[in-house]
C-alpha atoms as a PDB file:
ATOM      1  CA  MET A   1     185.955 127.138  99.866  1.00  0.00           C
ATOM      2  CA  VAL A   2     187.006 123.498  99.844  1.00  0.00           C
ATOM      3  CA  GLU A   3     187.706 122.145  96.376  1.00  0.00           C
ATOM      4  CA  ARG A   4     185.023 119.702  95.282  1.00  0.00           C
ATOM      5  CA  THR A   5     187.335 118.499  92.515  1.00  0.00           C
ATOM      6  CA  ALA A   6     189.698 117.001  95.071  1.00  0.00           C
ATOM      7  CA  HIS A   7     186.805 115.226  96.789  1.00  0.00           C
ATOM      8  CA  THR A   8     185.401 113.961  93.484  1.00  0.00           C
ATOM      9  CA  ARG A   9     188.774 112.567  92.430  1.00  0.00           C
ATOM     10  CA  TYR A  10     189.214 110.760  95.758  1.00  0.00           C
ATOM     11  CA  VAL A  11     185.722 109.294  95.836  1.00  0.00           C
ATOM     12  CA  SER A  12     185.420 108.151  92.238  1.00  0.00           C
ATOM     13  CA  GLY A  13     188.568 106.039  92.184  1.00  0.00           C
ATOM     14  CA  SER A  14     188.584 106.394  88.401  1.00  0.00           C
ATOM     15  CA  ASN A  15     192.068 107.919  88.265  1.00  0.00           C
ATOM     16  CA  PRO A  16     195.264 106.717  89.952  1.00  0.00           C
ATOM     17  CA  LEU A  17     196.152 108.703  93.048  1.00  0.00           C
ATOM     18  CA  PRO A  18     199.070 111.176  92.828  1.00  0.00           C
ATOM     19  CA  ALA A  19     202.403 110.054  94.320  1.00  0.00           C
ATOM     20  CA  THR A  20     202.210 112.539  97.227  1.00  0.00           C
ATOM     21  CA  ILE A  21     198.865 111.126  98.359  1.00  0.00           C
ATOM     22  CA  VAL A  22     200.099 107.553  98.065  1.00  0.00           C
ATOM     23  CA  MET A  23     203.218 108.355 100.114  1.00  0.00           C
ATOM     24  CA  LEU A  24     201.327 110.116 102.910  1.00  0.00           C
ATOM     25  CA  ARG A  25     198.641 107.469 102.968  1.00  0.00           C
ATOM     26  CA  GLU A  26     201.317 104.788 103.378  1.00  0.00           C
ATOM     27  CA  LYS A  27     202.975 106.735 106.211  1.00  0.00           C
ATOM     28  CA  LEU A  28     199.609 107.236 107.890  1.00  0.00           C
ATOM     29  CA  GLU A  29     198.720 103.553 107.710  1.00  0.00           C
ATOM     30  CA  LYS A  30     202.163 102.476 108.961  1.00  0.00           C
ATOM     31  CA  THR A  31     201.710 104.762 111.972  1.00  0.00           C
ATOM     32  CA  ILE A  32     198.199 103.422 112.605  1.00  0.00           C
ATOM     33  CA  VAL A  33     199.443  99.830 112.526  1.00  0.00           C
ATOM     34  CA  LYS A  34     202.653 100.532 114.487  1.00  0.00           C
ATOM     35  CA  PHE A  35     200.807 102.112 117.424  1.00  0.00           C
ATOM     36  CA  ARG A  36     197.611 100.016 117.071  1.00  0.00           C
ATOM     37  CA  MET A  37     195.455 103.102 116.667  1.00  0.00           C
ATOM     38  CA  LEU A  38     192.584 101.632 114.654  1.00  0.00           C
ATOM     39  CA  SER A  39     190.816  98.382 113.956  1.00  0.00           C
ATOM     40  CA  ARG A  40     188.570  97.628 111.016  1.00  0.00           C
ATOM     41  CA  GLY A  41     185.039  98.872 111.535  1.00  0.00           C
ATOM     42  CA  ASP A  42     185.998 101.566 114.065  1.00  0.00           C
ATOM     43  CA  ARG A  43     183.906 104.665 114.593  1.00  0.00           C
ATOM     44  CA  VAL A  44     186.129 107.724 114.907  1.00  0.00           C
ATOM     45  CA  LEU A  45     185.506 111.309 115.973  1.00  0.00           C
ATOM     46  CA  VAL A  46     187.996 113.505 114.079  1.00  0.00           C
ATOM     47  CA  GLY A  47     188.892 116.908 115.492  1.00  0.00           C
ATOM     48  CA  VAL A  48     189.047 119.400 112.617  1.00  0.00           C
ATOM     49  CA  SER A  49     189.921 123.043 113.279  1.00  0.00           C
ATOM     50  CA  GLY A  50     190.224 123.980 109.606  1.00  0.00           C
ATOM     51  CA  GLY A  51     194.014 124.377 109.761  1.00  0.00           C
ATOM     52  CA  PRO A  52     196.331 122.443 107.421  1.00  0.00           C
ATOM     53  CA  ASP A  53     197.110 119.597 109.835  1.00  0.00           C
ATOM     54  CA  SER A  54     193.532 118.686 110.707  1.00  0.00           C
ATOM     55  CA  VAL A  55     192.348 119.152 107.089  1.00  0.00           C
ATOM     56  CA  CYS A  56     195.099 116.804 105.927  1.00  0.00           C
ATOM     57  CA  LEU A  57     194.109 114.315 108.644  1.00  0.00           C
ATOM     58  CA  ILE A  58     190.472 114.128 107.604  1.00  0.00           C
ATOM     59  CA  TYR A  59     191.347 113.782 103.911  1.00  0.00           C
ATOM     60  CA  LEU A  60     193.835 110.961 104.590  1.00  0.00           C
ATOM     61  CA  LEU A  61     191.420 109.161 106.906  1.00  0.00           C
ATOM     62  CA  PHE A  62     188.776 109.584 104.218  1.00  0.00           C
ATOM     63  CA  GLN A  63     191.224 107.902 101.826  1.00  0.00           C
ATOM     64  CA  ILE A  64     191.443 104.761 103.986  1.00  0.00           C
ATOM     65  CA  LYS A  65     187.803 104.893 105.102  1.00  0.00           C
ATOM     66  CA  LYS A  66     186.597 102.193 102.712  1.00  0.00           C
ATOM     67  CA  ASP A  67     189.513  99.779 103.185  1.00  0.00           C
ATOM     68  CA  TRP A  68     189.361 100.058 106.967  1.00  0.00           C
ATOM     69  CA  GLU A  69     185.531 100.169 107.044  1.00  0.00           C
ATOM     70  CA  LEU A  70     185.639 103.321 109.176  1.00  0.00           C
ATOM     71  CA  GLU A  71     182.744 105.503 110.261  1.00  0.00           C
ATOM     72  CA  LEU A  72     184.115 109.043 110.433  1.00  0.00           C
ATOM     73  CA  HIS A  73     182.556 112.005 112.228  1.00  0.00           C
ATOM     74  CA  ILE A  74     183.939 115.561 112.094  1.00  0.00           C
ATOM     75  CA  ALA A  75     183.997 117.586 115.327  1.00  0.00           C
ATOM     76  CA  HIS A  76     184.712 121.326 115.485  1.00  0.00           C
ATOM     77  CA  LEU A  77     184.755 123.632 118.491  1.00  0.00           C
ATOM     78  CA  ASN A  78     184.043 127.306 117.828  1.00  0.00           C
ATOM     79  CA  HIS A  79     186.102 128.811 120.651  1.00  0.00           C
ATOM     80  CA  LYS A  80     185.257 132.458 119.798  1.00  0.00           C
ATOM     81  CA  LEU A  81     188.853 133.446 120.551  1.00  0.00           C
ATOM     82  CA  ARG A  82     189.521 135.026 117.158  1.00  0.00           C
ATOM     83  CA  GLU A  83     187.577 137.162 114.717  1.00  0.00           C
ATOM     84  CA  GLU A  84     187.884 134.363 112.156  1.00  0.00           C
ATOM     85  CA  ALA A  85     186.266 131.765 114.453  1.00  0.00           C
ATOM     86  CA  GLU A  86     182.851 131.934 112.743  1.00  0.00           C
ATOM     87  CA  ALA A  87     184.442 131.615 109.296  1.00  0.00           C
ATOM     88  CA  ASP A  88     186.497 128.652 110.523  1.00  0.00           C
ATOM     89  CA  ALA A  89     183.348 126.860 111.693  1.00  0.00           C
ATOM     90  CA  LEU A  90     181.601 127.529 108.373  1.00  0.00           C
ATOM     91  CA  PHE A  91     184.669 126.284 106.465  1.00  0.00           C
ATOM     92  CA  VAL A  92     184.732 122.991 108.376  1.00  0.00           C
ATOM     93  CA  LYS A  93     180.968 122.584 107.936  1.00  0.00           C
ATOM     94  CA  LYS A  94     181.321 122.929 104.165  1.00  0.00           C
ATOM     95  CA  LEU A  95     184.283 120.514 104.185  1.00  0.00           C
ATOM     96  CA  SER A  96     182.152 117.906 105.963  1.00  0.00           C
ATOM     97  CA  GLU A  97     179.374 118.432 103.410  1.00  0.00           C
ATOM     98  CA  ASN A  98     181.828 117.948 100.539  1.00  0.00           C
ATOM     99  CA  LEU A  99     183.087 114.715 102.072  1.00  0.00           C
ATOM    100  CA  ARG A 100     179.540 113.748 103.075  1.00  0.00           C
ATOM    101  CA  LEU A 101     180.565 113.141 106.691  1.00  0.00           C
ATOM    102  CA  PRO A 102     178.535 113.951 109.826  1.00  0.00           C
ATOM    103  CA  PHE A 103     179.439 117.329 111.323  1.00  0.00           C
ATOM    104  CA  HIS A 104     179.299 118.168 115.033  1.00  0.00           C
ATOM    105  CA  CYS A 105     179.944 121.704 116.252  1.00  0.00           C
ATOM    106  CA  GLU A 106     179.637 123.586 119.524  1.00  0.00           C
ATOM    107  CA  GLU A 107     180.220 127.212 120.460  1.00  0.00           C
ATOM    108  CA  ILE A 108     181.979 128.076 123.720  1.00  0.00           C
ATOM    109  CA  ASP A 109     183.081 131.483 124.921  1.00  0.00           C
ATOM    110  CA  VAL A 110     186.524 130.242 125.949  1.00  0.00           C
ATOM    111  CA  LYS A 111     187.719 133.565 127.398  1.00  0.00           C
ATOM    112  CA  LYS A 112     184.693 133.786 129.651  1.00  0.00           C
ATOM    113  CA  GLU A 113     184.956 130.141 130.700  1.00  0.00           C
ATOM    114  CA  ILE A 114     188.688 130.158 131.495  1.00  0.00           C
ATOM    115  CA  ALA A 115     188.284 133.353 133.528  1.00  0.00           C
ATOM    116  CA  LYS A 116     185.625 131.545 135.549  1.00  0.00           C
ATOM    117  CA  ARG A 117     187.931 128.554 136.106  1.00  0.00           C
ATOM    118  CA  GLY A 118     191.088 130.575 136.702  1.00  0.00           C
ATOM    119  CA  LEU A 119     193.033 129.012 133.819  1.00  0.00           C
ATOM    120  CA  SER A 120     195.492 130.428 131.300  1.00  0.00           C
ATOM    121  CA  GLU A 121     194.247 130.877 127.733  1.00  0.00           C
ATOM    122  CA  GLU A 122     196.410 128.048 126.362  1.00  0.00           C
ATOM    123  CA  GLU A 123     195.597 125.592 129.148  1.00  0.00           C
ATOM    124  CA  GLY A 124     191.915 126.540 129.233  1.00  0.00           C
ATOM    125  CA  ALA A 125     191.423 126.298 125.453  1.00  0.00           C
ATOM    126  CA  ARG A 126     193.007 122.849 125.422  1.00  0.00           C
ATOM    127  CA  LEU A 127     190.914 121.628 128.366  1.00  0.00           C
ATOM    128  CA  LEU A 128     187.644 122.914 126.921  1.00  0.00           C
ATOM    129  CA  ARG A 129     188.453 121.388 123.520  1.00  0.00           C
ATOM    130  CA  TYR A 130     188.976 117.952 125.070  1.00  0.00           C
ATOM    131  CA  GLU A 131     185.834 118.292 127.173  1.00  0.00           C
ATOM    132  CA  PHE A 132     183.915 118.982 123.959  1.00  0.00           C
ATOM    133  CA  PHE A 133     185.382 115.893 122.255  1.00  0.00           C
ATOM    134  CA  PHE A 134     184.582 113.690 125.260  1.00  0.00           C
ATOM    135  CA  ARG A 135     181.059 115.097 125.554  1.00  0.00           C
ATOM    136  CA  ARG A 136     180.311 114.593 121.864  1.00  0.00           C
ATOM    137  CA  GLY A 137     181.984 111.174 121.777  1.00  0.00           C
ATOM    138  CA  GLU A 138     179.888 110.087 124.759  1.00  0.00           C
ATOM    139  CA  SER A 139     176.644 111.194 123.102  1.00  0.00           C
ATOM    140  CA  LEU A 140     177.538 109.377 119.862  1.00  0.00           C
ATOM    141  CA  GLY A 141     178.894 106.246 121.531  1.00  0.00           C
ATOM    142  CA  ILE A 142     182.307 106.842 119.888  1.00  0.00           C
ATOM    143  CA  ARG A 143     185.388 105.966 121.933  1.00  0.00           C
ATOM    144  CA  LYS A 144     188.190 106.931 119.522  1.00  0.00           C
ATOM    145  CA  ILE A 145     189.200 110.541 118.923  1.00  0.00           C
ATOM    146  CA  ALA A 146     191.669 111.377 116.125  1.00  0.00           C
ATOM    147  CA  LEU A 147     193.681 114.589 116.348  1.00  0.00           C
ATOM    148  CA  GLY A 148     196.033 116.219 113.824  1.00  0.00           C
ATOM    149  CA  HIS A 149     199.286 116.525 115.785  1.00  0.00           C
ATOM    150  CA  THR A 150     202.357 116.135 113.575  1.00  0.00           C
ATOM    151  CA  ARG A 151     206.032 115.312 114.036  1.00  0.00           C
ATOM    152  CA  ASP A 152     206.701 119.072 114.153  1.00  0.00           C
ATOM    153  CA  ASP A 153     204.265 119.411 117.049  1.00  0.00           C
ATOM    154  CA  GLN A 154     206.270 116.737 118.839  1.00  0.00           C
ATOM    155  CA  VAL A 155     209.550 118.631 118.361  1.00  0.00           C
ATOM    156  CA  GLU A 156     208.016 121.937 119.488  1.00  0.00           C
ATOM    157  CA  THR A 157     206.498 120.296 122.568  1.00  0.00           C
ATOM    158  CA  VAL A 158     209.779 118.662 123.578  1.00  0.00           C
ATOM    159  CA  LEU A 159     211.683 121.952 123.286  1.00  0.00           C
ATOM    160  CA  MET A 160     208.979 123.862 125.133  1.00  0.00           C
ATOM    161  CA  ARG A 161     209.003 121.397 128.019  1.00  0.00           C
ATOM    162  CA  LEU A 162     212.799 121.264 128.069  1.00  0.00           C
ATOM    163  CA  LEU A 163     212.907 125.044 128.499  1.00  0.00           C
ATOM    164  CA  LYS A 164     210.370 124.789 131.330  1.00  0.00           C
ATOM    165  CA  GLY A 165     212.413 122.096 133.113  1.00  0.00           C
ATOM    166  CA  ALA A 166     210.308 118.983 132.478  1.00  0.00           C
ATOM    167  CA  GLY A 167     211.297 115.508 133.601  1.00  0.00           C
ATOM    168  CA  LEU A 168     211.162 112.185 131.771  1.00  0.00           C
ATOM    169  CA  LEU A 169     207.388 112.229 131.339  1.00  0.00           C
ATOM    170  CA  GLY A 170     207.383 115.727 129.849  1.00  0.00           C
ATOM    171  CA  LEU A 171     210.362 115.131 127.572  1.00  0.00           C
ATOM    172  CA  ARG A 172     208.710 112.159 125.909  1.00  0.00           C
ATOM    173  CA  GLY A 173     206.505 114.797 124.300  1.00  0.00           C
ATOM    174  CA  ILE A 174     203.088 113.996 122.867  1.00  0.00           C
ATOM    175  CA  PRO A 175     202.183 110.301 123.043  1.00  0.00           C
ATOM    176  CA  PRO A 176     200.874 108.883 119.737  1.00  0.00           C
ATOM    177  CA  VAL A 177     198.110 107.065 121.647  1.00  0.00           C
ATOM    178  CA  ARG A 178     196.666 108.022 125.006  1.00  0.00           C
ATOM    179  CA  GLU A 179     193.761 106.823 127.120  1.00  0.00           C
ATOM    180  CA  GLU A 180     191.711 109.373 129.028  1.00  0.00           C
ATOM    181  CA  LYS A 181     188.285 109.102 130.639  1.00  0.00           C
ATOM    182  CA  GLY A 182     187.427 105.942 128.719  1.00  0.00           C
ATOM    183  CA  PHE A 183     188.460 107.388 125.338  1.00  0.00           C
ATOM    184  CA  LEU A 184     191.422 106.510 123.143  1.00  0.00           C
ATOM    185  CA  ILE A 185     193.062 109.623 121.711  1.00  0.00           C
ATOM    186  CA  ILE A 186     195.030 108.830 118.559  1.00  0.00           C
ATOM    187  CA  ARG A 187     197.354 110.943 116.414  1.00  0.00           C
ATOM    188  CA  PRO A 188     197.669 109.329 112.957  1.00  0.00           C
ATOM    189  CA  LEU A 189     199.890 112.176 111.615  1.00  0.00           C
ATOM    190  CA  PHE A 190     202.399 111.532 114.396  1.00  0.00           C
ATOM    191  CA  GLU A 191     205.222 110.513 112.014  1.00  0.00           C
ATOM    192  CA  ILE A 192     204.487 113.055 109.247  1.00  0.00           C
ATOM    193  CA  TRP A 193     206.252 116.423 108.992  1.00  0.00           C
ATOM    194  CA  ARG A 194     204.287 119.637 108.496  1.00  0.00           C
ATOM    195  CA  GLU A 195     206.126 120.464 105.263  1.00  0.00           C
ATOM    196  CA  GLU A 196     204.883 117.156 103.810  1.00  0.00           C
ATOM    197  CA  ILE A 197     201.347 118.143 104.757  1.00  0.00           C
ATOM    198  CA  ILE A 198     201.583 121.600 103.173  1.00  0.00           C
ATOM    199  CA  LYS A 199     203.070 120.105  99.989  1.00  0.00           C
ATOM    200  CA  TYR A 200     200.244 117.566  99.782  1.00  0.00           C
ATOM    201  CA  LEU A 201     197.497 120.167 100.313  1.00  0.00           C
ATOM    202  CA  ASN A 202     199.016 122.607  97.828  1.00  0.00           C
ATOM    203  CA  GLU A 203     199.581 119.976  95.143  1.00  0.00           C
ATOM    204  CA  GLU A 204     195.999 118.760  95.507  1.00  0.00           C
ATOM    205  CA  LYS A 205     194.633 122.317  95.702  1.00  0.00           C
ATOM    206  CA  ILE A 206     192.893 121.542  98.983  1.00  0.00           C
ATOM    207  CA  GLU A 207     192.117 124.738 100.849  1.00  0.00           C
ATOM    208  CA  TYR A 208     192.675 125.246 104.561  1.00  0.00           C
ATOM    209  CA  ARG A 209     192.436 128.034 107.093  1.00  0.00           C
ATOM    210  CA  ILE A 210     195.396 130.020 108.439  1.00  0.00           C
ATOM    211  CA  ASP A 211     195.445 130.842 112.150  1.00  0.00           C
ATOM    212  CA  LYS A 212     197.146 134.255 112.285  1.00  0.00           C
ATOM    213  CA  SER A 213     197.792 133.830 116.013  1.00  0.00           C
ATOM    214  CA  ASN A 214     200.426 131.216 115.062  1.00  0.00           C
ATOM    215  CA  LEU A 215     202.603 134.113 113.905  1.00  0.00           C
ATOM    216  CA  SER A 216     202.363 135.991 117.202  1.00  0.00           C
ATOM    217  CA  SER A 217     205.476 136.072 119.392  1.00  0.00           C
ATOM    218  CA  ALA A 218     203.256 136.342 122.455  1.00  0.00           C
ATOM    219  CA  TYR A 219     203.100 132.552 122.713  1.00  0.00           C
ATOM    220  CA  LEU A 220     206.150 130.467 123.679  1.00  0.00           C
ATOM    221  CA  ARG A 221     205.308 127.709 121.200  1.00  0.00           C
ATOM    222  CA  ASN A 222     205.261 130.225 118.346  1.00  0.00           C
ATOM    223  CA  ARG A 223     208.664 131.617 119.318  1.00  0.00           C
ATOM    224  CA  ILE A 224     210.048 128.078 119.420  1.00  0.00           C
ATOM    225  CA  ARG A 225     208.530 127.261 116.017  1.00  0.00           C
ATOM    226  CA  ASN A 226     209.338 130.524 114.239  1.00  0.00           C
ATOM    227  CA  GLU A 227     212.594 131.570 115.902  1.00  0.00           C
ATOM    228  CA  LEU A 228     214.354 128.897 117.987  1.00  0.00           C
ATOM    229  CA  ILE A 229     214.052 125.883 115.676  1.00  0.00           C
ATOM    230  CA  PRO A 230     215.205 127.760 112.530  1.00  0.00           C
ATOM    231  CA  TYR A 231     218.154 129.101 114.579  1.00  0.00           C
ATOM    232  CA  LEU A 232     219.120 125.621 115.809  1.00  0.00           C
ATOM    233  CA  ILE A 233     218.891 124.236 112.263  1.00  0.00           C
ATOM    234  CA  LYS A 234     221.068 127.016 110.853  1.00  0.00           C
ATOM    235  CA  GLU A 235     223.674 127.342 113.615  1.00  0.00           C
ATOM    236  CA  PHE A 236     223.913 123.904 115.253  1.00  0.00           C
ATOM    237  CA  ASN A 237     222.390 120.914 113.487  1.00  0.00           C
ATOM    238  CA  PRO A 238     220.384 120.773 110.228  1.00  0.00           C
ATOM    239  CA  GLN A 239     218.844 117.507 111.506  1.00  0.00           C
ATOM    240  CA  ILE A 240     217.885 118.850 114.941  1.00  0.00           C
ATOM    241  CA  LYS A 241     214.168 118.183 114.411  1.00  0.00           C
ATOM    242  CA  GLU A 242     214.788 114.520 113.605  1.00  0.00           C
ATOM    243  CA  VAL A 243     217.168 114.251 116.589  1.00  0.00           C
ATOM    244  CA  LEU A 244     214.597 115.678 119.002  1.00  0.00           C
ATOM    245  CA  ALA A 245     211.744 113.572 117.611  1.00  0.00           C
ATOM    246  CA  ASN A 246     213.848 110.403 117.955  1.00  0.00           C
ATOM    247  CA  MET A 247     214.904 111.386 121.464  1.00  0.00           C
ATOM    248  CA  ALA A 248     211.266 111.831 122.468  1.00  0.00           C
ATOM    249  CA  GLU A 249     210.395 108.404 121.074  1.00  0.00           C
ATOM    250  CA  ASN A 250     213.207 106.736 123.046  1.00  0.00           C
ATOM    251  CA  LEU A 251     212.270 108.571 126.235  1.00  0.00           C
ATOM    252  CA  GLY A 252     208.675 107.535 125.654  1.00  0.00           C
ATOM    253  CA  LEU A 253     209.690 103.885 125.569  1.00  0.00           C
ATOM    254  CA  ALA A 254     211.757 104.324 128.736  1.00  0.00           C
ATOM    255  CA  TYR A 255     208.894 106.044 130.535  1.00  0.00           C
ATOM    256  CA  GLU A 256     206.436 103.367 129.399  1.00  0.00           C
ATOM    257  CA  TYR A 257     208.589 100.695 131.039  1.00  0.00           C
ATOM    258  CA  ILE A 258     209.058 102.702 134.253  1.00  0.00           C
ATOM    259  CA  HIS A 259     205.334 103.465 134.415  1.00  0.00           C
ATOM    260  CA  LYS A 260     204.475  99.789 134.012  1.00  0.00           C
ATOM    261  CA  GLN A 261     206.869  98.773 136.799  1.00  0.00           C
ATOM    262  CA  GLY A 262     205.667 101.644 138.957  1.00  0.00           C
ATOM    263  CA  LYS A 263     202.038 100.553 138.649  1.00  0.00           C
ATOM    264  CA  ARG A 264     202.983  97.015 139.725  1.00  0.00           C
ATOM    265  CA  LYS A 265     204.774  98.324 142.816  1.00  0.00           C
ATOM    266  CA  PHE A 266     201.988 100.813 143.514  1.00  0.00           C
ATOM    267  CA  LYS A 267     199.472  97.967 143.795  1.00  0.00           C
ATOM    268  CA  THR A 268     201.614  96.016 146.257  1.00  0.00           C
ATOM    269  CA  LEU A 269     202.709  98.938 148.486  1.00  0.00           C
ATOM    270  CA  THR A 270     199.561 101.047 148.769  1.00  0.00           C
ATOM    271  CA  LYS A 271     196.225 100.842 150.520  1.00  0.00           C
ATOM    272  CA  LEU A 272     193.264 103.064 149.583  1.00  0.00           C
ATOM    273  CA  ALA A 273     190.656 103.746 152.264  1.00  0.00           C
ATOM    274  CA  ASP A 274     188.473 106.721 153.232  1.00  0.00           C
ATOM    275  CA  GLY A 275     189.830 108.790 150.351  1.00  0.00           C
ATOM    276  CA  LYS A 276     193.419 108.358 151.561  1.00  0.00           C
ATOM    277  CA  ILE A 277     196.332 106.471 150.017  1.00  0.00           C
ATOM    278  CA  THR A 278     198.692 104.870 152.522  1.00  0.00           C
ATOM    279  CA  ILE A 279     202.175 103.657 151.533  1.00  0.00           C
ATOM    280  CA  LEU A 280     204.550 101.620 153.715  1.00  0.00           C
ATOM    281  CA  GLN A 281     207.630 103.775 154.244  1.00  0.00           C
ATOM    282  CA  ASP A 282     210.267 101.054 154.600  1.00  0.00           C
ATOM    283  CA  LYS A 283     209.302  99.281 151.379  1.00  0.00           C
ATOM    284  CA  PHE A 284     208.936 102.591 149.556  1.00  0.00           C
ATOM    285  CA  LYS A 285     212.418 103.748 150.603  1.00  0.00           C
ATOM    286  CA  ALA A 286     213.928 100.444 149.437  1.00  0.00           C
ATOM    287  CA  LEU A 287     212.860 101.139 145.835  1.00  0.00           C
ATOM    288  CA  HIS A 288     215.011 102.760 143.149  1.00  0.00           C
ATOM    289  CA  PRO A 289     214.434 106.566 143.134  1.00  0.00           C
ATOM    290  CA  ILE A 290     212.925 106.459 139.644  1.00  0.00           C
ATOM    291  CA  LEU A 291     210.232 104.037 140.887  1.00  0.00           C
ATOM    292  CA  GLN A 292     209.713 106.111 144.027  1.00  0.00           C
ATOM    293  CA  ARG A 293     209.060 109.120 141.846  1.00  0.00           C
ATOM    294  CA  GLU A 294     206.583 107.207 139.682  1.00  0.00           C
ATOM    295  CA  ILE A 295     204.666 105.941 142.729  1.00  0.00           C
ATOM    296  CA  PHE A 296     204.586 109.509 144.071  1.00  0.00           C
ATOM    297  CA  ARG A 297     203.016 110.629 140.785  1.00  0.00           C
ATOM    298  CA  LEU A 298     200.596 107.699 140.691  1.00  0.00           C
ATOM    299  CA  ALA A 299     199.349 108.468 144.197  1.00  0.00           C
ATOM    300  CA  ILE A 300     198.675 112.103 143.312  1.00  0.00           C
ATOM    301  CA  GLY A 301     197.022 111.105 140.031  1.00  0.00           C
ATOM    302  CA  GLU A 302     194.788 108.647 141.862  1.00  0.00           C
ATOM    303  CA  LEU A 303     193.522 111.360 144.219  1.00  0.00           C
ATOM    304  CA  LYS A 304     193.527 114.367 141.905  1.00  0.00           C
ATOM    305  CA  GLY A 305     192.593 112.740 138.603  1.00  0.00           C
ATOM    306  CA  ASN A 306     195.527 114.362 136.793  1.00  0.00           C
ATOM    307  CA  LEU A 307     199.035 115.710 137.377  1.00  0.00           C
ATOM    308  CA  ARG A 308     198.552 119.296 136.262  1.00  0.00           C
ATOM    309  CA  ARG A 309     200.709 121.784 138.190  1.00  0.00           C
ATOM    310  CA  ILE A 310     202.773 118.975 139.738  1.00  0.00           C
ATOM    311  CA  ASN A 311     206.422 119.465 138.830  1.00  0.00           C
ATOM    312  CA  TYR A 312     209.950 118.425 139.761  1.00  0.00           C
ATOM    313  CA  GLN A 313     210.108 120.944 142.615  1.00  0.00           C
ATOM    314  CA  HIS A 314     207.223 119.148 144.330  1.00  0.00           C
ATOM    315  CA  TRP A 315     209.132 115.864 144.058  1.00  0.00           C
ATOM    316  CA  LYS A 316     212.167 117.507 145.715  1.00  0.00           C
ATOM    317  CA  GLU A 317     209.945 118.806 148.522  1.00  0.00           C
ATOM    318  CA  PHE A 318     208.583 115.279 148.954  1.00  0.00           C
ATOM    319  CA  THR A 319     212.110 113.815 149.278  1.00  0.00           C
ATOM    320  CA  GLU A 320     212.793 116.404 151.988  1.00  0.00           C
ATOM    321  CA  LEU A 321     209.628 115.292 153.773  1.00  0.00           C
ATOM    322  CA  LEU A 322     211.048 111.763 153.954  1.00  0.00           C
ATOM    323  CA  LYS A 323     213.935 113.097 156.073  1.00  0.00           C
ATOM    324  CA  ARG A 324     211.694 114.894 158.554  1.00  0.00           C
ATOM    325  CA  PRO A 325     210.253 113.449 161.799  1.00  0.00           C
ATOM    326  CA  GLY A 326     206.886 111.708 161.956  1.00  0.00           C
ATOM    327  CA  GLY A 327     203.891 114.022 161.865  1.00  0.00           C
ATOM    328  CA  SER A 328     205.401 116.309 159.205  1.00  0.00           C
ATOM    329  CA  ILE A 329     203.065 117.363 156.387  1.00  0.00           C
ATOM    330  CA  LEU A 330     203.749 118.529 152.819  1.00  0.00           C
ATOM    331  CA  SER A 331     201.164 120.671 151.033  1.00  0.00           C
ATOM    332  CA  LEU A 332     200.935 120.318 147.239  1.00  0.00           C
ATOM    333  CA  PRO A 333     198.789 122.111 144.599  1.00  0.00           C
ATOM    334  CA  ARG A 334     195.027 121.627 144.423  1.00  0.00           C
ATOM    335  CA  GLY A 335     194.667 120.659 148.085  1.00  0.00           C
ATOM    336  CA  ILE A 336     196.804 117.498 147.952  1.00  0.00           C
ATOM    337  CA  SER A 337     198.736 116.834 151.178  1.00  0.00           C
ATOM    338  CA  VAL A 338     201.217 114.149 152.226  1.00  0.00           C
ATOM    339  CA  GLU A 339     201.714 113.247 155.884  1.00  0.00           C
ATOM    340  CA  LYS A 340     204.715 111.328 157.112  1.00  0.00           C
ATOM    341  CA  GLY A 341     203.635 108.951 159.872  1.00  0.00           C
ATOM    342  CA  ASN A 342     205.861 106.686 161.923  1.00  0.00           C
ATOM    343  CA  LYS A 343     205.536 103.812 159.447  1.00  0.00           C
ATOM    344  CA  ASP A 344     203.380 105.143 156.626  1.00  0.00           C
ATOM    345  CA  LEU A 345     203.171 107.914 154.047  1.00  0.00           C
ATOM    346  CA  ILE A 346     199.599 109.154 153.763  1.00  0.00           C
ATOM    347  CA  PHE A 347     198.352 111.026 150.663  1.00  0.00           C
ATOM    348  CA  PHE A 348     195.041 112.840 151.085  1.00  0.00           C
ATOM    349  CA  ILE A 349     193.012 115.817 149.868  1.00  0.00           C
ATOM    350  CA  LYS A 350     192.759 118.569 152.453  1.00  0.00           C
ATOM    351  CA  LYS A 351     189.128 119.392 153.175  1.00  0.00           C
END
């Protein structure tokens, strides 16, 4: 069970905090300030699975709770994917009781639900988890959701997307702050390495749950974490994780600028009517290809609500459409179609 001694030491303030806690707290607060994640008096829904990252997150946020005048709520989704799921939920419930924080939990049969929606286990579990956070945040009137992604998660994500052939957006990795459906998703551990987290939890004797599925080679992310990264460190570059994390940050800045410029052009070139987005061909073709690609993505996102299953191959098919005669149509995933008219490009959802 969770150590009450750790909680008592943190709450009482009677003893000076250990150096590891001070260091991680400073890193956490620098990240929060750097990416403007929190303001004083914020109410925050914190996703806690029971694993080391999310346990560390809630303890560090608890550390700054008083200074930042935060109202923290713990949210846990029992996905029923593993035998240990019930024990995980009980663990997080007891943790919330020890920290005297509100606890919100739901049970979802993820396997049954993703089969109904035709999703993969990884994609479906992620989607259902976010739906739970949004649903609970909406009911509580909380608009900020804190998640425990670390710098290691960033490196693993970048490598995974690189192997799958991602473009600039994918290679920027996990954004430290992201808006979705009226919520601000923040990742305060974004600049902290997993080994720092494990050291902190072990030194403070704070218990956490181990997800045995993280050791399975059935998942690409696990093979990247347990096999590819150690190999790259040993055989190519001992600093490869730092290199990849820095690369993702730089690509993120580049994409942010392109996205901002793309949105400006999107507003001036497009017309939305009757569920269709119309773009003037001549002005579109005069743009730099990187802005053309961003406007292409923005148009699909506007109609579809997201860009899932849209990849670089679809962009190449779209560029081929531009060379075809008027009346040509391109079919994209999820019913999205693009028609090339004589003067316009028309994006619409096929009924």
